[in-house]
Amino acid sequence: MKISDGFDAKRLRPRQPGAWGSRLAAMFAMLLTTCGVLLAMAGAASLLGRPAALGELNDNPAAASLILLGGLLVLYLGVWVWRRRRLRLRRGRELGLSPHLMKKHD
């Protein structure tokens, strides 16, 4: 059956504002992830007895472990924000139809 006049496929895709906010948040999340990796590496190197990466950390193992845990926390936060922003960027291109109306792909 042929679809008649008045059908516009562009109406199925809702118009959304630009994704610059999500892109900037994703870049910020990448920076957070990078800082988390660097902090975790510095803390681990200080705990393992290598030359101090952040000043006097070799003298104080408690401070080195605090830097390691803080780096892992910042790393986790950066990855979590990056994944949420990436999902939001990709969801903007979906059709505005209910999932049960779509064809199932094997």
PDB file of N, CA and C in Angstrom:
ATOM      1  N   MET A   1       0.839  -1.164   0.000  1.00  0.00           N
ATOM      2  CA  MET A   1       0.000   0.000   0.000  1.00  0.00           C
ATOM      3  C   MET A   1       0.892   1.237   0.000  1.00  0.00           C
ATOM      4  N   LYS A   2       0.575   2.142  -0.868  1.00  0.00           N
ATOM      5  CA  LYS A   2       1.393   3.346  -1.005  1.00  0.00           C
ATOM      6  C   LYS A   2       0.961   4.383   0.025  1.00  0.00           C
ATOM      7  N   ILE A   3       1.949   5.048   0.616  1.00  0.00           N
ATOM      8  CA  ILE A   3       1.642   6.109   1.583  1.00  0.00           C
ATOM      9  C   ILE A   3       1.253   7.356   0.803  1.00  0.00           C
ATOM     10  N   SER A   4       0.177   7.960   1.221  1.00  0.00           N
ATOM     11  CA  SER A   4      -0.378   9.075   0.449  1.00  0.00           C
ATOM     12  C   SER A   4       0.231  10.410   0.867  1.00  0.00           C
ATOM     13  N   ASP A   5      -0.373  11.457   0.395  1.00  0.00           N
ATOM     14  CA  ASP A   5       0.111  12.819   0.636  1.00  0.00           C
ATOM     15  C   ASP A   5       0.165  13.155   2.122  1.00  0.00           C
ATOM     16  N   GLY A   6       0.986  14.120   2.438  1.00  0.00           N
ATOM     17  CA  GLY A   6       1.039  14.622   3.803  1.00  0.00           C
ATOM     18  C   GLY A   6       1.969  13.856   4.731  1.00  0.00           C
ATOM     19  N   PHE A   7       2.576  12.801   4.248  1.00  0.00           N
ATOM     20  CA  PHE A   7       3.493  12.058   5.114  1.00  0.00           C
ATOM     21  C   PHE A   7       4.891  12.639   4.993  1.00  0.00           C
ATOM     22  N   ASP A   8       5.461  12.974   6.128  1.00  0.00           N
ATOM     23  CA  ASP A   8       6.818  13.507   6.153  1.00  0.00           C
ATOM     24  C   ASP A   8       7.624  12.714   7.166  1.00  0.00           C
ATOM     25  N   ALA A   9       8.625  12.004   6.690  1.00  0.00           N
ATOM     26  CA  ALA A   9       9.416  11.153   7.578  1.00  0.00           C
ATOM     27  C   ALA A   9      10.219  11.961   8.589  1.00  0.00           C
ATOM     28  N   LYS A  10      10.496  13.222   8.287  1.00  0.00           N
ATOM     29  CA  LYS A  10      11.266  14.055   9.208  1.00  0.00           C
ATOM     30  C   LYS A  10      10.501  14.341  10.496  1.00  0.00           C
ATOM     31  N   ARG A  11       9.182  14.231  10.438  1.00  0.00           N
ATOM     32  CA  ARG A  11       8.395  14.457  11.662  1.00  0.00           C
ATOM     33  C   ARG A  11       8.600  13.357  12.687  1.00  0.00           C
ATOM     34  N   LEU A  12       9.033  12.178  12.249  1.00  0.00           N
ATOM     35  CA  LEU A  12       9.259  11.084  13.180  1.00  0.00           C
ATOM     36  C   LEU A  12      10.487  11.323  14.058  1.00  0.00           C
ATOM     37  N   ARG A  13      11.409  12.099  13.564  1.00  0.00           N
ATOM     38  CA  ARG A  13      12.616  12.418  14.338  1.00  0.00           C
ATOM     39  C   ARG A  13      12.408  13.764  15.016  1.00  0.00           C
ATOM     40  N   PRO A  14      12.363  13.766  16.344  1.00  0.00           N
ATOM     41  CA  PRO A  14      12.152  15.037  17.042  1.00  0.00           C
ATOM     42  C   PRO A  14      13.372  15.938  16.894  1.00  0.00           C
ATOM     43  N   ARG A  15      13.114  17.215  16.688  1.00  0.00           N
ATOM     44  CA  ARG A  15      14.218  18.173  16.581  1.00  0.00           C
ATOM     45  C   ARG A  15      14.729  18.488  17.976  1.00  0.00           C
ATOM     46  N   GLN A  16      16.023  18.395  18.117  1.00  0.00           N
ATOM     47  CA  GLN A  16      16.636  18.683  19.402  1.00  0.00           C
ATOM     48  C   GLN A  16      17.674  19.768  19.208  1.00  0.00           C
ATOM     49  N   PRO A  17      17.944  20.511  20.248  1.00  0.00           N
ATOM     50  CA  PRO A  17      18.982  21.530  20.116  1.00  0.00           C
ATOM     51  C   PRO A  17      20.341  20.874  19.881  1.00  0.00           C
ATOM     52  N   GLY A  18      21.309  21.676  19.510  1.00  0.00           N
ATOM     53  CA  GLY A  18      22.649  21.160  19.236  1.00  0.00           C
ATOM     54  C   GLY A  18      23.224  20.421  20.425  1.00  0.00           C
ATOM     55  N   ALA A  19      24.157  19.547  20.140  1.00  0.00           N
ATOM     56  CA  ALA A  19      24.725  18.680  21.175  1.00  0.00           C
ATOM     57  C   ALA A  19      26.045  19.233  21.704  1.00  0.00           C
ATOM     58  N   TRP A  20      26.241  20.550  21.651  1.00  0.00           N
ATOM     59  CA  TRP A  20      27.510  21.107  22.105  1.00  0.00           C
ATOM     60  C   TRP A  20      27.713  20.911  23.595  1.00  0.00           C
ATOM     61  N   GLY A  21      26.646  20.998  24.368  1.00  0.00           N
ATOM     62  CA  GLY A  21      26.771  20.788  25.811  1.00  0.00           C
ATOM     63  C   GLY A  21      27.225  19.381  26.140  1.00  0.00           C
ATOM     64  N   SER A  22      26.668  18.422  25.451  1.00  0.00           N
ATOM     65  CA  SER A  22      27.069  17.035  25.670  1.00  0.00           C
ATOM     66  C   SER A  22      28.485  16.769  25.201  1.00  0.00           C
ATOM     67  N   ARG A  23      28.869  17.415  24.109  1.00  0.00           N
ATOM     68  CA  ARG A  23      30.242  17.231  23.628  1.00  0.00           C
ATOM     69  C   ARG A  23      31.251  17.843  24.597  1.00  0.00           C
ATOM     70  N   LEU A  24      30.936  19.021  25.121  1.00  0.00           N
ATOM     71  CA  LEU A  24      31.836  19.633  26.096  1.00  0.00           C
ATOM     72  C   LEU A  24      31.910  18.814  27.376  1.00  0.00           C
ATOM     73  N   ALA A  25      30.774  18.264  27.788  1.00  0.00           N
ATOM     74  CA  ALA A  25      30.771  17.409  28.984  1.00  0.00           C
ATOM     75  C   ALA A  25      31.574  16.131  28.731  1.00  0.00           C
ATOM     76  N   ALA A  26      31.519  15.596  27.525  1.00  0.00           N
ATOM     77  CA  ALA A  26      32.303  14.404  27.198  1.00  0.00           C
ATOM     78  C   ALA A  26      33.797  14.723  27.204  1.00  0.00           C
ATOM     79  N   MET A  27      34.173  15.906  26.709  1.00  0.00           N
ATOM     80  CA  MET A  27      35.582  16.291  26.748  1.00  0.00           C
ATOM     81  C   MET A  27      36.047  16.502  28.187  1.00  0.00           C
ATOM     82  N   PHE A  28      35.195  17.092  29.015  1.00  0.00           N
ATOM     83  CA  PHE A  28      35.527  17.261  30.428  1.00  0.00           C
ATOM     84  C   PHE A  28      35.679  15.902  31.110  1.00  0.00           C
ATOM     85  N   ALA A  29      34.832  14.953  30.737  1.00  0.00           N
ATOM     86  CA  ALA A  29      34.927  13.607  31.303  1.00  0.00           C
ATOM     87  C   ALA A  29      36.221  12.927  30.875  1.00  0.00           C
ATOM     88  N   MET A  30      36.652  13.162  29.645  1.00  0.00           N
ATOM     89  CA  MET A  30      37.931  12.597  29.210  1.00  0.00           C
ATOM     90  C   MET A  30      39.088  13.195  30.004  1.00  0.00           C
ATOM     91  N   LEU A  31      39.019  14.493  30.284  1.00  0.00           N
ATOM     92  CA  LEU A  31      40.052  15.119  31.109  1.00  0.00           C
ATOM     93  C   LEU A  31      40.047  14.549  32.527  1.00  0.00           C
ATOM     94  N   LEU A  32      38.857  14.338  33.072  1.00  0.00           N
ATOM     95  CA  LEU A  32      38.757  13.723  34.401  1.00  0.00           C
ATOM     96  C   LEU A  32      39.374  12.324  34.402  1.00  0.00           C
ATOM     97  N   THR A  33      39.084  11.562  33.369  1.00  0.00           N
ATOM     98  CA  THR A  33      39.622  10.209  33.271  1.00  0.00           C
ATOM     99  C   THR A  33      41.148  10.234  33.181  1.00  0.00           C
ATOM    100  N   THR A  34      41.673  11.153  32.397  1.00  0.00           N
ATOM    101  CA  THR A  34      43.125  11.261  32.256  1.00  0.00           C
ATOM    102  C   THR A  34      43.772  11.643  33.584  1.00  0.00           C
ATOM    103  N   CYS A  35      43.190  12.619  34.279  1.00  0.00           N
ATOM    104  CA  CYS A  35      43.724  13.016  35.590  1.00  0.00           C
ATOM    105  C   CYS A  35      43.633  11.862  36.589  1.00  0.00           C
ATOM    106  N   GLY A  36      42.558  11.107  36.535  1.00  0.00           N
ATOM    107  CA  GLY A  36      42.413   9.959  37.425  1.00  0.00           C
ATOM    108  C   GLY A  36      43.477   8.908  37.183  1.00  0.00           C
ATOM    109  N   VAL A  37      43.767   8.643  35.905  1.00  0.00           N
ATOM    110  CA  VAL A  37      44.805   7.666  35.583  1.00  0.00           C
ATOM    111  C   VAL A  37      46.160   8.147  36.077  1.00  0.00           C
ATOM    112  N   LEU A  38      46.458   9.429  35.865  1.00  0.00           N
ATOM    113  CA  LEU A  38      47.747   9.960  36.291  1.00  0.00           C
ATOM    114  C   LEU A  38      47.890   9.948  37.811  1.00  0.00           C
ATOM    115  N   LEU A  39      46.836  10.319  38.527  1.00  0.00           N
ATOM    116  CA  LEU A  39      46.892  10.285  39.986  1.00  0.00           C
ATOM    117  C   LEU A  39      47.045   8.867  40.515  1.00  0.00           C
ATOM    118  N   ALA A  40      46.316   7.936  39.918  1.00  0.00           N
ATOM    119  CA  ALA A  40      46.416   6.544  40.363  1.00  0.00           C
ATOM    120  C   ALA A  40      47.813   5.987  40.090  1.00  0.00           C
ATOM    121  N   MET A  41      48.387   6.327  38.951  1.00  0.00           N
ATOM    122  CA  MET A  41      49.739   5.865  38.654  1.00  0.00           C
ATOM    123  C   MET A  41      50.756   6.478  39.605  1.00  0.00           C
ATOM    124  N   ALA A  42      50.593   7.751  39.942  1.00  0.00           N
ATOM    125  CA  ALA A  42      51.525   8.395  40.874  1.00  0.00           C
ATOM    126  C   ALA A  42      51.426   7.770  42.262  1.00  0.00           C
ATOM    127  N   GLY A  43      50.203   7.516  42.717  1.00  0.00           N
ATOM    128  CA  GLY A  43      50.021   6.875  44.016  1.00  0.00           C
ATOM    129  C   GLY A  43      50.566   5.461  44.054  1.00  0.00           C
ATOM    130  N   ALA A  44      50.334   4.715  42.986  1.00  0.00           N
ATOM    131  CA  ALA A  44      50.841   3.338  42.942  1.00  0.00           C
ATOM    132  C   ALA A  44      52.366   3.311  42.876  1.00  0.00           C
ATOM    133  N   ALA A  45      52.959   4.231  42.117  1.00  0.00           N
ATOM    134  CA  ALA A  45      54.417   4.283  42.035  1.00  0.00           C
ATOM    135  C   ALA A  45      55.020   4.648  43.389  1.00  0.00           C
ATOM    136  N   SER A  46      54.371   5.535  44.115  1.00  0.00           N
ATOM    137  CA  SER A  46      54.887   5.910  45.431  1.00  0.00           C
ATOM    138  C   SER A  46      54.729   4.774  46.437  1.00  0.00           C
ATOM    139  N   LEU A  47      53.665   4.025  46.328  1.00  0.00           N
ATOM    140  CA  LEU A  47      53.478   2.888  47.232  1.00  0.00           C
ATOM    141  C   LEU A  47      54.455   1.756  46.939  1.00  0.00           C
ATOM    142  N   LEU A  48      54.823   1.601  45.685  1.00  0.00           N
ATOM    143  CA  LEU A  48      55.735   0.525  45.312  1.00  0.00           C
ATOM    144  C   LEU A  48      57.196   0.864  45.601  1.00  0.00           C
ATOM    145  N   GLY A  49      57.471   2.076  46.054  1.00  0.00           N
ATOM    146  CA  GLY A  49      58.827   2.431  46.442  1.00  0.00           C
ATOM    147  C   GLY A  49      59.666   3.029  45.345  1.00  0.00           C
ATOM    148  N   ARG A  50      59.070   3.377  44.239  1.00  0.00           N
ATOM    149  CA  ARG A  50      59.817   4.038  43.173  1.00  0.00           C
ATOM    150  C   ARG A  50      60.073   5.483  43.598  1.00  0.00           C
ATOM    151  N   PRO A  51      60.859   6.224  42.837  1.00  0.00           N
ATOM    152  CA  PRO A  51      61.071   7.632  43.192  1.00  0.00           C
ATOM    153  C   PRO A  51      59.754   8.388  43.271  1.00  0.00           C
ATOM    154  N   ALA A  52      59.719   9.327  44.179  1.00  0.00           N
ATOM    155  CA  ALA A  52      58.467  10.042  44.461  1.00  0.00           C
ATOM    156  C   ALA A  52      57.939  10.755  43.223  1.00  0.00           C
ATOM    157  N   ALA A  53      56.677  10.522  42.922  1.00  0.00           N
ATOM    158  CA  ALA A  53      56.058  11.158  41.768  1.00  0.00           C
ATOM    159  C   ALA A  53      55.454  12.504  42.145  1.00  0.00           C
ATOM    160  N   LEU A  54      55.013  12.654  43.363  1.00  0.00           N
ATOM    161  CA  LEU A  54      54.395  13.905  43.823  1.00  0.00           C
ATOM    162  C   LEU A  54      55.051  14.386  45.110  1.00  0.00           C
ATOM    163  N   GLY A  55      56.293  14.713  45.055  1.00  0.00           N
ATOM    164  CA  GLY A  55      56.959  15.299  46.215  1.00  0.00           C
ATOM    165  C   GLY A  55      57.360  14.280  47.261  1.00  0.00           C
ATOM    166  N   GLU A  56      56.841  14.426  48.467  1.00  0.00           N
ATOM    167  CA  GLU A  56      57.252  13.636  49.634  1.00  0.00           C
ATOM    168  C   GLU A  56      56.376  12.392  49.856  1.00  0.00           C
ATOM    169  N   LEU A  57      55.810  11.837  48.826  1.00  0.00           N
ATOM    170  CA  LEU A  57      54.894  10.711  49.009  1.00  0.00           C
ATOM    171  C   LEU A  57      55.612   9.431  49.440  1.00  0.00           C
ATOM    172  N   ASN A  58      56.894   9.290  49.125  1.00  0.00           N
ATOM    173  CA  ASN A  58      57.621   8.088  49.544  1.00  0.00           C
ATOM    174  C   ASN A  58      57.762   8.020  51.051  1.00  0.00           C
ATOM    175  N   ASP A  59      57.789   9.165  51.725  1.00  0.00           N
ATOM    176  CA  ASP A  59      57.945   9.188  53.171  1.00  0.00           C
ATOM    177  C   ASP A  59      56.651   8.834  53.892  1.00  0.00           C
ATOM    178  N   ASN A  60      55.525   9.027  53.243  1.00  0.00           N
ATOM    179  CA  ASN A  60      54.233   8.835  53.898  1.00  0.00           C
ATOM    180  C   ASN A  60      53.361   7.893  53.069  1.00  0.00           C
ATOM    181  N   PRO A  61      53.300   6.603  53.440  1.00  0.00           N
ATOM    182  CA  PRO A  61      52.474   5.667  52.659  1.00  0.00           C
ATOM    183  C   PRO A  61      50.980   5.958  52.755  1.00  0.00           C
ATOM    184  N   ALA A  62      50.549   6.579  53.848  1.00  0.00           N
ATOM    185  CA  ALA A  62      49.120   6.913  53.966  1.00  0.00           C
ATOM    186  C   ALA A  62      48.725   7.952  52.917  1.00  0.00           C
ATOM    187  N   ALA A  63      49.579   8.931  52.689  1.00  0.00           N
ATOM    188  CA  ALA A  63      49.280   9.949  51.672  1.00  0.00           C
ATOM    189  C   ALA A  63      49.308   9.335  50.276  1.00  0.00           C
ATOM    190  N   ALA A  64      50.240   8.420  50.051  1.00  0.00           N
ATOM    191  CA  ALA A  64      50.313   7.767  48.743  1.00  0.00           C
ATOM    192  C   ALA A  64      49.068   6.928  48.489  1.00  0.00           C
ATOM    193  N   SER A  65      48.598   6.225  49.505  1.00  0.00           N
ATOM    194  CA  SER A  65      47.378   5.427  49.314  1.00  0.00           C
ATOM    195  C   SER A  65      46.163   6.322  49.139  1.00  0.00           C
ATOM    196  N   LEU A  66      46.162   7.480  49.796  1.00  0.00           N
ATOM    197  CA  LEU A  66      45.060   8.432  49.609  1.00  0.00           C
ATOM    198  C   LEU A  66      45.055   8.974  48.182  1.00  0.00           C
ATOM    199  N   ILE A  67      46.243   9.270  47.648  1.00  0.00           N
ATOM    200  CA  ILE A  67      46.342   9.726  46.253  1.00  0.00           C
ATOM    201  C   ILE A  67      45.877   8.618  45.299  1.00  0.00           C
ATOM    202  N   LEU A  68      46.242   7.375  45.584  1.00  0.00           N
ATOM    203  CA  LEU A  68      45.827   6.247  44.747  1.00  0.00           C
ATOM    204  C   LEU A  68      44.309   6.095  44.760  1.00  0.00           C
ATOM    205  N   LEU A  69      43.706   6.127  45.921  1.00  0.00           N
ATOM    206  CA  LEU A  69      42.246   5.987  46.015  1.00  0.00           C
ATOM    207  C   LEU A  69      41.531   7.175  45.374  1.00  0.00           C
ATOM    208  N   GLY A  70      42.068   8.374  45.581  1.00  0.00           N
ATOM    209  CA  GLY A  70      41.475   9.550  44.940  1.00  0.00           C
ATOM    210  C   GLY A  70      41.561   9.468  43.426  1.00  0.00           C
ATOM    211  N   GLY A  71      42.698   8.986  42.921  1.00  0.00           N
ATOM    212  CA  GLY A  71      42.841   8.820  41.473  1.00  0.00           C
ATOM    213  C   GLY A  71      41.875   7.803  40.905  1.00  0.00           C
ATOM    214  N   LEU A  72      41.682   6.696  41.637  1.00  0.00           N
ATOM    215  CA  LEU A  72      40.717   5.688  41.171  1.00  0.00           C
ATOM    216  C   LEU A  72      39.297   6.224  41.197  1.00  0.00           C
ATOM    217  N   LEU A  73      38.982   7.040  42.194  1.00  0.00           N
ATOM    218  CA  LEU A  73      37.644   7.645  42.273  1.00  0.00           C
ATOM    219  C   LEU A  73      37.418   8.626  41.126  1.00  0.00           C
ATOM    220  N   VAL A  74      38.418   9.461  40.843  1.00  0.00           N
ATOM    221  CA  VAL A  74      38.296  10.412  39.737  1.00  0.00           C
ATOM    222  C   VAL A  74      38.215   9.664  38.406  1.00  0.00           C
ATOM    223  N   LEU A  75      38.967   8.579  38.268  1.00  0.00           N
ATOM    224  CA  LEU A  75      38.901   7.750  37.058  1.00  0.00           C
ATOM    225  C   LEU A  75      37.506   7.171  36.867  1.00  0.00           C
ATOM    226  N   TYR A  76      36.931   6.621  37.928  1.00  0.00           N
ATOM    227  CA  TYR A  76      35.590   6.051  37.848  1.00  0.00           C
ATOM    228  C   TYR A  76      34.556   7.126  37.490  1.00  0.00           C
ATOM    229  N   LEU A  77      34.680   8.291  38.119  1.00  0.00           N
ATOM    230  CA  LEU A  77      33.746   9.384  37.842  1.00  0.00           C
ATOM    231  C   LEU A  77      33.845   9.833  36.388  1.00  0.00           C
ATOM    232  N   GLY A  78      35.059   9.946  35.864  1.00  0.00           N
ATOM    233  CA  GLY A  78      35.238  10.360  34.476  1.00  0.00           C
ATOM    234  C   GLY A  78      34.655   9.360  33.496  1.00  0.00           C
ATOM    235  N   VAL A  79      34.873   8.071  33.738  1.00  0.00           N
ATOM    236  CA  VAL A  79      34.322   7.043  32.845  1.00  0.00           C
ATOM    237  C   VAL A  79      32.801   7.028  32.916  1.00  0.00           C
ATOM    238  N   TRP A  80      32.247   7.186  34.112  1.00  0.00           N
ATOM    239  CA  TRP A  80      30.792   7.192  34.278  1.00  0.00           C
ATOM    240  C   TRP A  80      30.159   8.362  33.532  1.00  0.00           C
ATOM    241  N   VAL A  81      30.722   9.565  33.680  1.00  0.00           N
ATOM    242  CA  VAL A  81      30.178  10.744  32.983  1.00  0.00           C
ATOM    243  C   VAL A  81      30.340  10.581  31.475  1.00  0.00           C
ATOM    244  N   TRP A  82      31.484  10.066  31.030  1.00  0.00           N
ATOM    245  CA  TRP A  82      31.719   9.912  29.600  1.00  0.00           C
ATOM    246  C   TRP A  82      30.723   8.941  28.978  1.00  0.00           C
ATOM    247  N   ARG A  83      30.454   7.835  29.655  1.00  0.00           N
ATOM    248  CA  ARG A  83      29.495   6.861  29.119  1.00  0.00           C
ATOM    249  C   ARG A  83      28.088   7.435  29.050  1.00  0.00           C
ATOM    250  N   ARG A  84      27.674   8.185  30.063  1.00  0.00           N
ATOM    251  CA  ARG A  84      26.334   8.782  30.041  1.00  0.00           C
ATOM    252  C   ARG A  84      26.191   9.817  28.928  1.00  0.00           C
ATOM    253  N   ARG A  85      27.216  10.627  28.723  1.00  0.00           N
ATOM    254  CA  ARG A  85      27.176  11.636  27.659  1.00  0.00           C
ATOM    255  C   ARG A  85      27.165  10.969  26.295  1.00  0.00           C
ATOM    256  N   ARG A  86      27.953   9.906  26.119  1.00  0.00           N
ATOM    257  CA  ARG A  86      27.997   9.209  24.840  1.00  0.00           C
ATOM    258  C   ARG A  86      26.640   8.601  24.508  1.00  0.00           C
ATOM    259  N   LEU A  87      25.976   8.012  25.490  1.00  0.00           N
ATOM    260  CA  LEU A  87      24.638   7.462  25.259  1.00  0.00           C
ATOM    261  C   LEU A  87      23.654   8.552  24.877  1.00  0.00           C
ATOM    262  N   ARG A  88      23.745   9.686  25.544  1.00  0.00           N
ATOM    263  CA  ARG A  88      22.815  10.773  25.235  1.00  0.00           C
ATOM    264  C   ARG A  88      23.070  11.332  23.843  1.00  0.00           C
ATOM    265  N   LEU A  89      24.324  11.389  23.419  1.00  0.00           N
ATOM    266  CA  LEU A  89      24.619  11.864  22.071  1.00  0.00           C
ATOM    267  C   LEU A  89      24.059  10.920  21.016  1.00  0.00           C
ATOM    268  N   ARG A  90      24.104   9.628  21.255  1.00  0.00           N
ATOM    269  CA  ARG A  90      23.638   8.652  20.264  1.00  0.00           C
ATOM    270  C   ARG A  90      22.124   8.484  20.276  1.00  0.00           C
ATOM    271  N   ARG A  91      21.476   8.750  21.383  1.00  0.00           N
ATOM    272  CA  ARG A  91      20.022   8.567  21.447  1.00  0.00           C
ATOM    273  C   ARG A  91      19.266   9.633  20.690  1.00  0.00           C
ATOM    274  N   GLY A  92      19.905  10.749  20.372  1.00  0.00           N
ATOM    275  CA  GLY A  92      19.218  11.819  19.664  1.00  0.00           C
ATOM    276  C   GLY A  92      18.853  11.456  18.243  1.00  0.00           C
ATOM    277  N   ARG A  93      19.447  10.423  17.685  1.00  0.00           N
ATOM    278  CA  ARG A  93      19.187  10.045  16.295  1.00  0.00           C
ATOM    279  C   ARG A  93      18.129   8.968  16.148  1.00  0.00           C
ATOM    280  N   GLU A  94      17.540   8.536  17.223  1.00  0.00           N
ATOM    281  CA  GLU A  94      16.544   7.465  17.133  1.00  0.00           C
ATOM    282  C   GLU A  94      15.206   8.021  16.658  1.00  0.00           C
ATOM    283  N   LEU A  95      14.396   7.127  16.142  1.00  0.00           N
ATOM    284  CA  LEU A  95      13.053   7.512  15.725  1.00  0.00           C
ATOM    285  C   LEU A  95      12.148   7.675  16.932  1.00  0.00           C
ATOM    286  N   GLY A  96      11.147   8.511  16.783  1.00  0.00           N
ATOM    287  CA  GLY A  96      10.217   8.751  17.873  1.00  0.00           C
ATOM    288  C   GLY A  96       9.056   7.767  17.860  1.00  0.00           C
ATOM    289  N   LEU A  97       9.323   6.489  17.712  1.00  0.00           N
ATOM    290  CA  LEU A  97       8.287   5.459  17.699  1.00  0.00           C
ATOM    291  C   LEU A  97       8.465   4.543  18.900  1.00  0.00           C
ATOM    292  N   SER A  98       7.401   3.878  19.268  1.00  0.00           N
ATOM    293  CA  SER A  98       7.489   2.912  20.352  1.00  0.00           C
ATOM    294  C   SER A  98       8.337   1.723  19.902  1.00  0.00           C
ATOM    295  N   PRO A  99       9.102   1.128  20.820  1.00  0.00           N
ATOM    296  CA  PRO A  99       9.970   0.005  20.428  1.00  0.00           C
ATOM    297  C   PRO A  99       9.205  -1.192  19.883  1.00  0.00           C
ATOM    298  N   HIS A 100       7.991  -1.420  20.356  1.00  0.00           N
ATOM    299  CA  HIS A 100       7.270  -2.604  19.887  1.00  0.00           C
ATOM    300  C   HIS A 100       6.714  -2.424  18.474  1.00  0.00           C
ATOM    301  N   LEU A 101       6.725  -1.194  17.934  1.00  0.00           N
ATOM    302  CA  LEU A 101       6.266  -0.965  16.565  1.00  0.00           C
ATOM    303  C   LEU A 101       7.381  -1.145  15.538  1.00  0.00           C
ATOM    304  N   MET A 102       8.618  -1.159  16.012  1.00  0.00           N
ATOM    305  CA  MET A 102       9.747  -1.303  15.107  1.00  0.00           C
ATOM    306  C   MET A 102       9.905  -2.764  14.681  1.00  0.00           C
ATOM    307  N   LYS A 103      10.529  -2.994  13.523  1.00  0.00           N
ATOM    308  CA  LYS A 103      10.785  -4.362  13.089  1.00  0.00           C
ATOM    309  C   LYS A 103      11.892  -4.958  13.938  1.00  0.00           C
ATOM    310  N   LYS A 104      11.792  -6.224  14.196  1.00  0.00           N
ATOM    311  CA  LYS A 104      12.838  -6.904  14.959  1.00  0.00           C
ATOM    312  C   LYS A 104      13.924  -7.350  14.004  1.00  0.00           C
ATOM    313  N   HIS A 105      15.178  -7.057  14.378  1.00  0.00           N
ATOM    314  CA  HIS A 105      16.322  -7.471  13.572  1.00  0.00           C
ATOM    315  C   HIS A 105      16.977  -8.657  14.241  1.00  0.00           C
ATOM    316  N   ASP A 106      17.272  -9.671  13.452  1.00  0.00           N
ATOM    317  CA  ASP A 106      17.894 -10.885  13.995  1.00  0.00           C
ATOM    318  C   ASP A 106      19.357 -10.705  14.209  1.00  0.00           C
TER     319      ASP A 106
END
